[in-house]
Protein backbone atom coordinates (compact mmCIF):
# COMPACT_ATOMS: atom_id res chain seq x y z
CA UNK A 1 90.93 120.15 143.99
CA UNK A 2 93.77 120.74 141.56
CA UNK A 3 92.78 121.28 137.94
CA UNK A 4 93.05 118.12 135.84
CA UNK A 5 92.54 117.35 132.18
CA UNK A 6 89.27 115.74 131.15
CA UNK A 7 88.40 113.39 128.30
CA UNK A 8 85.47 115.23 126.69
CA UNK A 9 83.53 113.12 124.18
CA UNK A 10 80.94 114.52 121.81
CA UNK A 11 78.55 111.73 120.73
CA UNK A 12 75.63 111.43 118.37
CA UNK A 13 74.01 108.39 116.74
CA UNK A 14 76.34 108.99 113.76
CA UNK A 15 79.57 108.98 115.79
CA UNK A 16 81.48 111.75 117.44
CA UNK A 17 84.90 113.11 118.39
CA UNK A 18 87.10 113.21 121.48
CA UNK A 19 89.03 116.04 123.10
CA UNK A 20 91.46 116.19 126.01
CA UNK A 21 92.11 119.25 128.09
CA UNK A 22 90.72 121.74 130.56
CA UNK A 23 88.95 125.09 130.50
CA UNK A 24 91.52 126.98 128.39
CA UNK A 25 93.08 124.28 126.27
CA UNK A 26 91.44 121.44 124.36
CA UNK A 27 93.41 119.02 122.20
CA UNK A 28 91.54 117.14 119.51
CA UNK A 29 92.23 113.39 119.81
CA UNK A 30 90.39 112.24 116.72
CA UNK A 31 87.09 111.17 115.22
CA UNK A 32 84.93 108.42 116.73
CA UNK A 33 83.26 106.59 113.82
CA UNK A 34 79.80 105.11 114.23
CA UNK A 35 80.92 101.47 113.83
CA UNK A 36 84.37 101.28 115.45
CA UNK A 37 83.92 104.31 117.69
CA UNK A 38 83.57 102.37 120.99
CA UNK A 39 86.85 100.54 120.30
CA UNK A 40 88.60 103.82 119.54
CA UNK A 41 87.18 105.33 122.74
CA UNK A 42 88.45 102.32 124.73
CA UNK A 43 91.94 102.90 123.36
CA UNK A 44 91.78 106.56 124.34
CA UNK A 45 90.77 105.57 127.85
CA UNK A 46 93.75 103.19 128.00
CA UNK A 47 96.01 106.02 126.84
CA UNK A 48 94.62 108.43 129.46
CA UNK A 49 93.55 106.15 132.33
CA UNK A 50 93.37 108.89 134.97
CA UNK A 51 91.39 111.45 132.98
CA UNK A 52 87.70 111.76 133.98
CA UNK A 53 85.34 111.09 131.07
CA UNK A 54 82.36 113.28 130.19
CA UNK A 55 79.92 112.21 127.46
CA UNK A 56 78.04 115.07 125.79
CA UNK A 57 75.09 113.63 123.86
CA UNK A 58 73.66 115.35 120.79
CA UNK A 59 70.56 113.51 119.61
CA UNK A 60 66.96 114.10 118.56
CA UNK A 61 65.92 111.40 121.03
CA UNK A 62 65.68 113.69 124.03
CA UNK A 63 62.81 115.07 126.04
CA UNK A 64 62.43 118.14 128.24
CA UNK A 65 59.50 118.77 130.55
CA UNK A 66 58.90 121.55 133.04
CA UNK A 67 57.27 120.36 136.28
CA UNK A 68 56.09 122.08 139.44
CA UNK A 69 56.44 120.03 142.63
CA UNK A 70 55.80 120.87 146.30
CA UNK A 71 58.65 122.55 148.10
CA UNK A 72 60.27 119.94 150.32
CA UNK A 73 63.86 119.25 151.30
CA UNK A 74 66.18 116.41 152.19
CA UNK A 75 65.37 112.74 151.48
CA UNK A 76 61.71 113.62 150.86
CA UNK A 77 62.68 115.78 147.88
CA UNK A 78 64.91 113.02 146.44
CA UNK A 79 62.13 110.44 146.76
CA UNK A 80 59.50 112.79 145.28
CA UNK A 81 61.65 113.68 142.26
CA UNK A 82 62.63 110.04 141.66
CA UNK A 83 58.98 109.00 141.74
CA UNK A 84 58.08 111.73 139.27
CA UNK A 85 60.89 110.67 136.91
CA UNK A 86 59.65 107.08 136.98
CA UNK A 87 56.17 108.28 136.15
CA UNK A 88 57.41 110.31 133.20
CA UNK A 89 60.12 108.08 131.77
CA UNK A 90 59.37 104.68 133.32
CA UNK A 91 62.69 102.92 134.00
CA UNK A 92 64.88 104.86 131.56
CA UNK A 93 68.53 104.67 132.75
CA UNK A 94 69.25 108.14 131.40
CA UNK A 95 66.99 110.70 132.99
CA UNK A 96 67.45 113.43 135.57
CA UNK A 97 66.05 116.70 136.88
CA UNK A 98 67.29 120.23 137.40
CA UNK A 99 65.76 122.36 140.13
CA UNK A 100 65.38 125.88 138.75
CA UNK A 101 64.05 127.73 141.77
CA UNK A 102 60.57 128.43 143.11
CA UNK A 103 57.44 129.93 141.67
CA UNK A 104 56.52 133.45 142.68
CA UNK A 105 52.85 132.79 143.34
CA UNK A 106 50.51 130.28 144.96
CA UNK A 107 52.23 127.67 147.14
CA UNK A 108 55.58 128.76 145.77
CA UNK A 109 56.27 125.28 144.48
CA UNK A 110 59.66 124.26 143.18
CA UNK A 111 60.19 124.33 139.43
CA UNK A 112 62.04 121.39 137.90
CA UNK A 113 63.26 120.76 134.38
CA UNK A 114 62.98 117.02 133.70
CA UNK A 115 65.34 115.72 130.98
CA UNK A 116 65.68 112.28 129.46
CA UNK A 117 67.33 110.43 126.56
CA UNK A 118 64.36 108.47 125.26
CA UNK A 119 66.23 106.33 122.74
CA UNK A 120 69.48 105.10 124.22
CA UNK A 121 70.09 101.80 122.48
CA UNK A 122 72.77 103.32 120.25
CA UNK A 123 74.59 104.58 123.36
CA UNK A 124 74.94 101.12 124.95
CA UNK A 125 78.20 100.11 123.12
CA UNK A 126 79.87 103.33 124.22
CA UNK A 127 78.86 102.80 127.84
CA UNK A 128 80.00 99.16 127.72
CA UNK A 129 83.43 100.23 126.43
CA UNK A 130 83.80 102.57 129.41
CA UNK A 131 82.59 99.94 131.88
CA UNK A 132 85.11 97.38 130.64
CA UNK A 133 87.96 99.84 131.23
CA UNK A 134 86.57 101.01 134.60
CA UNK A 135 86.85 104.54 133.25
CA UNK A 136 86.00 107.36 135.69
CA UNK A 137 82.76 108.49 134.02
CA UNK A 138 81.95 111.79 135.67
CA UNK A 139 78.82 112.68 133.68
CA UNK A 140 76.53 111.80 130.79
CA UNK A 141 74.86 115.03 129.78
CA UNK A 142 73.15 116.66 126.83
CA UNK A 143 74.38 119.38 124.49
CA UNK A 144 71.61 121.58 125.92
CA UNK A 145 73.42 121.58 129.27
CA UNK A 146 76.60 122.70 127.53
CA UNK A 147 74.76 125.51 125.76
CA UNK A 148 73.27 126.52 129.10
CA UNK A 149 76.84 127.02 130.33
CA UNK A 150 77.63 128.97 127.16
CA UNK A 151 74.59 131.25 127.53
CA UNK A 152 75.53 131.92 131.15
CA UNK A 153 79.04 132.92 130.11
CA UNK A 154 77.68 135.26 127.43
CA UNK A 155 76.02 137.19 130.30
CA UNK A 156 72.77 137.95 128.53
CA UNK A 157 70.09 139.43 130.78
CA UNK A 158 66.93 138.70 128.83
CA UNK A 159 63.53 137.38 129.78
CA UNK A 160 63.35 135.21 126.65
CA UNK A 161 66.12 134.10 124.30
CA UNK A 162 66.73 131.48 121.64
CA UNK A 163 70.25 130.21 120.96
CA UNK A 164 70.98 128.69 117.55
CA UNK A 165 74.28 126.98 116.81
CA UNK A 166 75.35 124.41 114.19
CA UNK A 167 76.78 121.07 115.32
CA UNK A 168 77.78 117.91 113.41
CA UNK A 169 74.37 116.35 114.18
CA UNK A 170 72.44 119.40 112.95
CA UNK A 171 71.22 122.82 114.02
CA UNK A 172 70.72 122.97 117.79
CA UNK A 173 68.04 125.37 119.10
CA UNK A 174 67.78 126.12 122.83
CA UNK A 175 65.15 128.33 124.43
CA UNK A 176 66.01 130.17 127.69
CA UNK A 177 63.64 131.91 130.08
CA UNK A 178 65.09 134.18 132.74
CA UNK A 179 68.51 132.80 131.82
CA UNK A 180 67.51 129.15 132.42
CA UNK A 181 66.99 126.38 129.87
CA UNK A 182 63.36 125.53 129.18
CA UNK A 183 63.42 123.68 125.88
CA UNK A 184 65.88 122.33 123.30
CA UNK A 185 65.53 120.64 119.94
CA UNK A 186 67.81 119.39 117.18
CA UNK A 187 67.04 120.02 113.53
CA UNK A 188 68.74 117.21 111.66
CA UNK A 189 67.74 118.52 108.23
CA UNK A 190 70.73 117.92 105.96
CA UNK A 191 69.67 120.48 103.37
CA UNK A 192 71.43 123.78 102.95
CA UNK A 193 71.62 125.21 106.49
CA UNK A 194 71.40 128.89 105.58
CA UNK A 195 68.14 128.45 103.65
CA UNK A 196 66.49 126.29 106.33
CA UNK A 197 67.84 127.75 109.57
CA UNK A 198 65.38 130.66 109.56
CA UNK A 199 62.54 128.24 108.88
CA UNK A 200 63.59 125.97 111.76
CA UNK A 201 63.78 128.97 114.09
CA UNK A 202 60.24 129.97 113.03
CA UNK A 203 58.98 126.43 113.70
CA UNK A 204 60.51 126.52 117.15
CA UNK A 205 58.83 129.84 117.90
CA UNK A 206 55.46 128.49 116.79
CA UNK A 207 55.92 125.38 119.00
CA UNK A 208 56.75 127.50 122.03
CA UNK A 209 53.70 129.66 121.39
CA UNK A 210 51.43 126.63 120.97
CA UNK A 211 52.65 125.21 124.27
CA UNK A 212 51.99 128.59 125.93
CA UNK A 213 55.62 128.74 126.95
CA UNK A 214 56.10 131.90 124.90
CA UNK A 215 53.42 134.51 124.27
CA UNK A 216 52.79 135.34 120.62
CA UNK A 217 53.22 139.08 121.10
CA UNK A 218 56.69 138.66 122.63
CA UNK A 219 59.56 139.65 120.36
CA UNK A 220 62.02 136.76 120.68
CA UNK A 221 65.76 137.56 120.72
CA UNK A 222 67.64 135.01 118.60
CA UNK A 223 71.41 134.59 119.09
CA UNK A 224 73.19 133.12 116.08
CA UNK A 225 76.34 131.42 117.36
CA UNK A 226 79.21 130.07 115.26
CA UNK A 227 77.26 130.23 112.00
CA UNK A 228 80.04 131.94 110.04
CA UNK A 229 79.12 133.63 106.77
CA UNK A 230 75.59 132.21 106.91
CA UNK A 231 74.77 134.25 110.02
CA UNK A 232 74.23 137.48 108.07
CA UNK A 233 71.74 135.88 105.67
CA UNK A 234 69.84 134.22 108.52
CA UNK A 235 69.76 137.50 110.48
CA UNK A 236 68.33 139.39 107.51
CA UNK A 237 65.66 136.73 106.99
CA UNK A 238 64.64 136.85 110.66
CA UNK A 239 64.69 140.64 110.84
CA UNK A 240 62.01 140.73 108.16
CA UNK A 241 59.57 139.18 110.64
CA UNK A 242 58.31 141.20 113.65
CA UNK A 243 58.46 138.20 115.98
CA UNK A 244 62.27 138.00 116.01
CA UNK A 245 65.16 140.15 117.11
CA UNK A 246 68.31 138.54 115.65
CA UNK A 247 71.82 138.98 117.12
CA UNK A 248 75.03 137.61 115.67
CA UNK A 249 77.51 136.40 118.29
CA UNK A 250 80.93 137.05 116.79
CA UNK A 251 83.89 134.69 117.21
CA UNK A 252 85.68 137.38 119.21
CA UNK A 253 82.76 137.60 121.65
CA UNK A 254 82.71 133.82 122.00
CA UNK A 255 86.46 133.73 122.56
CA UNK A 256 86.19 136.44 125.22
CA UNK A 257 83.34 134.66 127.01
CA UNK A 258 85.09 131.27 127.03
CA UNK A 259 88.63 132.69 127.35
CA UNK A 260 89.98 130.83 124.36
CA UNK A 261 91.66 131.91 121.08
CA UNK A 262 89.42 133.49 118.44
CA UNK A 263 89.97 130.63 115.96
CA UNK A 264 89.30 127.94 118.55
CA UNK A 265 86.04 126.75 116.95
CA UNK A 266 86.99 127.08 113.31
CA UNK A 267 87.93 123.44 112.58
CA UNK A 268 85.52 121.42 114.75
CA UNK A 269 82.15 123.04 115.62
CA UNK A 270 81.59 120.51 118.42
CA UNK A 271 84.46 122.19 120.27
CA UNK A 272 82.05 124.99 121.23
CA UNK A 273 79.82 123.09 123.70
CA UNK A 274 82.78 121.11 125.01
CA UNK A 275 84.78 124.29 125.68
CA UNK A 276 81.78 125.72 127.54
CA UNK A 277 81.71 122.63 129.79
CA UNK A 278 85.48 122.21 130.23
CA UNK A 279 86.30 122.85 133.86
CA UNK A 280 82.58 123.11 134.74
CA UNK A 281 79.98 120.73 136.15
CA UNK A 282 76.89 120.35 133.90
CA UNK A 283 73.57 121.48 135.33
CA UNK A 284 72.21 117.92 135.00
CA UNK A 285 73.77 114.47 134.76
CA UNK A 286 71.86 111.61 133.11
CA UNK A 287 74.14 108.85 134.43
CA UNK A 288 72.98 106.77 137.34
CA UNK A 289 75.08 106.20 140.43
CA UNK A 290 76.40 102.78 139.35
CA UNK A 291 77.88 104.31 136.18
CA UNK A 292 79.60 107.06 138.14
CA UNK A 293 81.02 104.79 140.86
CA UNK A 294 84.53 104.66 139.28
CA UNK A 295 84.54 108.45 139.15
CA UNK A 296 83.73 108.71 142.85
CA UNK A 297 86.63 106.34 143.57
CA UNK A 298 88.77 108.55 141.35
CA UNK A 299 87.75 111.62 143.33
CA UNK A 300 88.55 109.85 146.60
CA UNK A 301 91.96 108.89 145.21
CA UNK A 302 92.57 112.46 144.10
CA UNK A 303 91.47 113.72 147.48
CA UNK A 304 93.85 111.33 149.23
CA UNK A 305 96.68 112.42 146.93
CA UNK A 306 95.90 116.06 147.54
CA UNK A 307 95.71 115.49 151.30
CA UNK A 308 99.02 113.62 151.17
CA UNK A 309 100.57 116.48 149.20
CA UNK A 310 99.23 118.99 151.73
CA UNK A 311 100.53 116.89 154.63
CA UNK A 312 103.90 116.49 152.93
CA UNK A 313 104.11 120.19 152.16
CA UNK A 314 103.08 121.05 155.72
CA UNK A 315 105.64 118.58 157.07
CA UNK A 316 108.40 120.04 154.93
CA UNK A 317 107.40 123.54 155.93
CA UNK A 318 107.28 122.59 159.61
CA UNK A 319 110.66 120.85 159.33
CA UNK A 320 112.15 123.91 157.64
CA UNK A 321 110.70 126.11 160.37
CA UNK A 322 112.15 123.84 163.05
CA UNK A 323 115.57 123.94 161.38
CA UNK A 324 115.41 127.71 161.20
CA UNK A 325 114.32 127.93 164.83
CA UNK A 326 117.06 125.49 165.91
CA UNK A 327 119.64 127.57 164.06
CA UNK A 328 118.35 130.73 165.73
CA UNK A 329 118.42 129.07 169.16
CA UNK A 330 121.96 127.81 168.54
CA UNK A 331 123.05 131.32 167.61
CA UNK A 332 121.39 132.70 170.74
CA UNK A 333 123.10 130.01 172.83
CA UNK A 334 126.51 130.91 171.40
CA UNK A 335 125.85 134.58 172.12
CA UNK A 336 124.80 133.82 175.71
CA UNK A 337 127.88 131.66 176.25
CA UNK A 338 130.15 134.41 174.93
CA UNK A 339 128.42 136.92 177.19
CA UNK A 340 128.83 134.55 180.15
CA UNK A 341 132.55 134.15 179.46
CA UNK A 342 132.98 137.92 179.18
CA UNK A 343 131.08 138.42 182.44
CA UNK A 344 133.26 135.81 184.16
CA UNK A 345 136.46 137.50 182.95
CA UNK A 346 135.18 140.87 184.11
CA UNK A 347 134.32 139.47 187.54
CA UNK A 348 137.76 137.88 187.85
CA UNK A 349 139.51 141.11 186.94
CA UNK A 350 137.33 142.99 189.43
CA UNK A 351 138.25 140.59 192.25
CA UNK A 352 142.04 140.50 191.56
CA UNK A 353 143.09 143.52 189.53
CA UNK A 354 146.35 142.98 187.66
CA UNK A 355 148.54 145.69 186.26
CA UNK A 356 149.72 144.98 182.76
CA UNK A 357 153.20 146.41 183.55
CA UNK A 358 155.27 148.16 186.26
CA UNK A 359 155.06 151.96 186.71
CA UNK A 360 158.46 152.61 185.07
CA UNK A 361 157.38 150.75 181.96
CA UNK A 362 154.12 152.67 181.87
CA UNK A 363 156.06 155.93 182.22
CA UNK A 364 158.32 154.96 179.34
CA UNK A 365 155.31 154.07 177.23
CA UNK A 366 153.76 157.45 178.01
CA UNK A 367 156.94 159.26 177.10
CA UNK A 368 157.26 157.23 173.94
CA UNK A 369 153.73 158.19 172.99
CA UNK A 370 154.44 161.84 173.66
CA UNK A 371 157.70 161.67 171.77
CA UNK A 372 156.16 159.98 168.77
CA UNK A 373 153.41 162.58 168.65
CA UNK A 374 155.99 165.45 168.78
CA UNK A 375 158.34 165.61 165.79
CA UNK A 376 162.03 165.74 166.75
CA UNK A 377 164.18 168.67 165.82
CA UNK A 378 166.13 167.90 162.68
CA UNK A 379 169.96 168.36 162.54
CA UNK A 380 169.50 171.46 160.38
CA UNK A 381 167.90 173.21 163.35
CA UNK A 382 171.00 172.56 165.51
CA UNK A 383 173.35 173.85 162.82
CA UNK A 384 171.17 176.89 162.20
CA UNK A 385 171.18 177.81 165.91
CA UNK A 386 174.97 177.34 166.16
CA UNK A 387 175.60 179.26 162.94
CA UNK A 388 173.52 182.20 164.15
CA UNK A 389 175.58 182.39 167.38
CA UNK A 390 178.88 182.15 165.48
CA UNK A 391 177.94 185.08 163.25
CA UNK A 392 178.06 187.41 166.25
CA UNK A 393 181.05 185.71 167.88
CA UNK A 394 183.74 185.21 165.23
CA UNK A 395 186.40 184.37 167.87
CA UNK A 396 184.69 181.05 168.57
CA UNK A 397 185.73 178.02 166.57
CA UNK A 398 183.45 174.94 166.72
CA UNK A 399 185.20 171.61 166.83
CA UNK A 400 182.39 169.13 167.40
CA UNK A 401 178.60 169.03 167.64
CA UNK A 402 176.75 165.98 169.11
CA UNK A 403 172.99 165.59 169.49
CA UNK A 404 170.77 162.75 170.69
CA UNK A 405 167.15 162.20 171.65
CA UNK A 406 167.06 160.62 175.12
CA UNK A 407 163.44 161.47 175.88
CA UNK A 408 162.66 157.73 176.05
CA UNK A 409 165.07 157.28 178.96
CA UNK A 410 164.42 160.51 180.84
CA UNK A 411 161.49 162.70 181.53
CA UNK A 412 163.15 165.61 179.73
CA UNK A 413 161.96 166.48 176.30
CA UNK A 414 163.69 167.91 173.24
CA UNK A 415 167.11 167.02 171.79
CA UNK A 416 170.26 166.97 173.91
CA UNK A 417 173.02 168.94 172.08
CA UNK A 418 176.73 169.05 173.05
CA UNK A 419 179.06 171.62 171.44
CA UNK A 420 182.82 171.51 171.77
CA UNK A 421 184.78 174.59 170.69
CA UNK A 422 187.87 176.75 171.27
CA UNK A 423 189.01 180.37 171.18
CA UNK A 424 190.67 181.29 167.91
CA UNK A 425 194.20 182.81 168.21
CA UNK A 426 194.30 182.33 171.95
CA UNK A 427 197.10 184.46 173.48
CA UNK A 428 196.87 183.19 177.02
CA UNK A 429 194.48 185.83 178.27
CA UNK A 430 192.06 183.66 180.23
CA UNK A 431 189.83 186.50 181.28
CA UNK A 432 189.24 187.58 177.70
CA UNK A 433 188.70 183.94 176.68
CA UNK A 434 186.04 183.40 179.34
CA UNK A 435 184.30 186.63 178.30
CA UNK A 436 184.16 185.44 174.69
CA UNK A 437 182.83 182.02 175.75
CA UNK A 438 180.17 183.66 177.93
CA UNK A 439 179.16 185.98 175.09
CA UNK A 440 178.81 182.97 172.78
CA UNK A 441 176.72 181.17 175.38
CA UNK A 442 174.43 184.18 175.84
CA UNK A 443 174.00 184.58 172.11
CA UNK A 444 173.21 180.89 171.73
CA UNK A 445 170.68 181.03 174.55
CA UNK A 446 168.74 183.69 172.66
CA UNK A 447 168.17 181.38 169.66
CA UNK A 448 164.61 179.98 169.21
CA UNK A 449 163.97 176.58 170.76
CA UNK A 450 167.17 176.50 172.92
CA UNK A 451 166.80 175.97 176.66
CA UNK A 452 168.80 174.81 179.65
CA UNK A 453 172.16 175.89 178.24
CA UNK A 454 175.11 175.49 180.50
CA UNK A 455 178.89 175.39 180.35
CA UNK A 456 179.97 171.85 181.12
CA UNK A 457 183.70 172.35 180.43
CA UNK A 458 185.64 175.55 180.98
CA UNK A 459 189.19 176.36 179.75
CA UNK A 460 190.29 176.82 183.31
CA UNK A 461 189.41 173.28 184.19
CA UNK A 462 192.37 172.06 182.12
CA UNK A 463 194.84 173.95 184.30
CA UNK A 464 196.74 172.08 186.98
CA UNK A 465 195.93 172.69 190.59
CA UNK A 466 199.57 173.39 191.42
CA UNK A 467 201.31 176.10 189.49
CA UNK A 468 204.97 175.62 188.72
CA UNK A 469 207.44 176.64 186.05
CA UNK A 470 209.90 179.27 185.00
CA UNK A 471 209.18 182.76 183.99
CA UNK A 472 212.00 182.68 181.52
CA UNK A 473 210.38 180.18 179.22
CA UNK A 474 207.20 180.62 177.12
CA UNK A 475 204.71 178.22 178.75
CA UNK A 476 201.43 179.82 177.63
CA UNK A 477 198.74 177.30 176.55
CA UNK A 478 198.26 176.92 172.88
CA UNK A 479 194.35 176.93 172.97
CA UNK A 480 191.41 177.63 175.26
CA UNK A 481 188.74 174.90 174.71
CA UNK A 482 185.25 174.68 176.18
CA UNK A 483 182.08 172.56 176.02
CA UNK A 484 178.43 173.69 176.10
CA UNK A 485 175.28 171.59 176.67
CA UNK A 486 171.71 172.65 175.89
CA UNK A 487 168.25 171.41 174.88
CA UNK A 488 166.81 172.11 171.46
CA UNK A 489 162.99 171.89 171.18
CA UNK A 490 160.48 170.88 173.90
CA UNK A 491 159.50 172.91 176.93
CA UNK A 492 161.65 175.85 178.07
């Protein structure tokens, strides 16, 4: 169950104090005076109606007895222990037992620690205040149970040990055997604690020896807890006697054991047992079932709330998972639909293949691609080729040069070049003129990149088919013109 804050109340016949919190944080709520304390406690319950209440009693009116009972289980054990409690404490409303294991010899009976609050009249107003408010009373326990939790957290592995700690009601002394509580007493002497603590510890050791609980020759470890500056004086006094082995439990060690700040117990000493019990269940509870009934209802309510939270969280998680799965399925559906459409288009194209264009268009596209990938010859190349041919044929005069790239319209490649020229200082000798034109054509054909050169217009083509005239007059032509065509660039 989720951690919740508790209302921890330290009570003694002279009043007490209240704290609110959990295992690592306790907030002091105020003092509970002896006269008006029940009214103050009722107001605290009204302020924190959902906080379980634990009463930790610190009084001299308590009794501890160690009993050995036959080992039984189930309802028979409950009946046997209840009968034994009635025999010991009659009809006391505040008594209980703590089963501490089995004996190692004989019938191996069960060992029980019987505990009771013998004088409980002063506690009645406090209980009535809680009953009127229907407060969830989870436990009525003794300070000895809280110190049992503290000794367990200190992790001492000793056969015998005595724990001494000061509280508002007096010096509390608890005797542990094999790590389990056997006896506890409160020294309510109001004299100077440092001068009487060693004496009270000696009295406790003598009582344990007289009751044959502790053998006289046993050296008793004594743990001085939260005694401040007085601890050193008490330890020196005890060390002078061979029956004791004193140990001072430092505030840092306490803080480490209880996981609280080092100065946690400086202001209120009763914080120590309450901090040891915060978040824990005491080893014994003196409250009867009718007093704890509101707490059981509180636990049922908390359980229902927790179950509802779990169901709600599971529902939200399941809904989120369903949404994610639906989104994934929708994405898969869209992918399958797209694949189906692509498959249908592919099947349709397979059944009735369609050409994107006619063959001529495809041929033009191919030529265009080839042409774009092959850089065209620049005009300078045409002029360079013509100039080189003119250098060796000075009788040729160029009149016009045309070039165009028609590779997109025809399968031919390269640049189509047309040259128009004439013979300089033509004297009418057609044979010599044709020889010069042929020499120019041959020279031009030898230039790099020129191919498919041919004479498309000859000087003789301008002559009439019928010759007529007079020999007496000068009828010689004034010029002999020609026209050449060739390809520049591309394949030869």
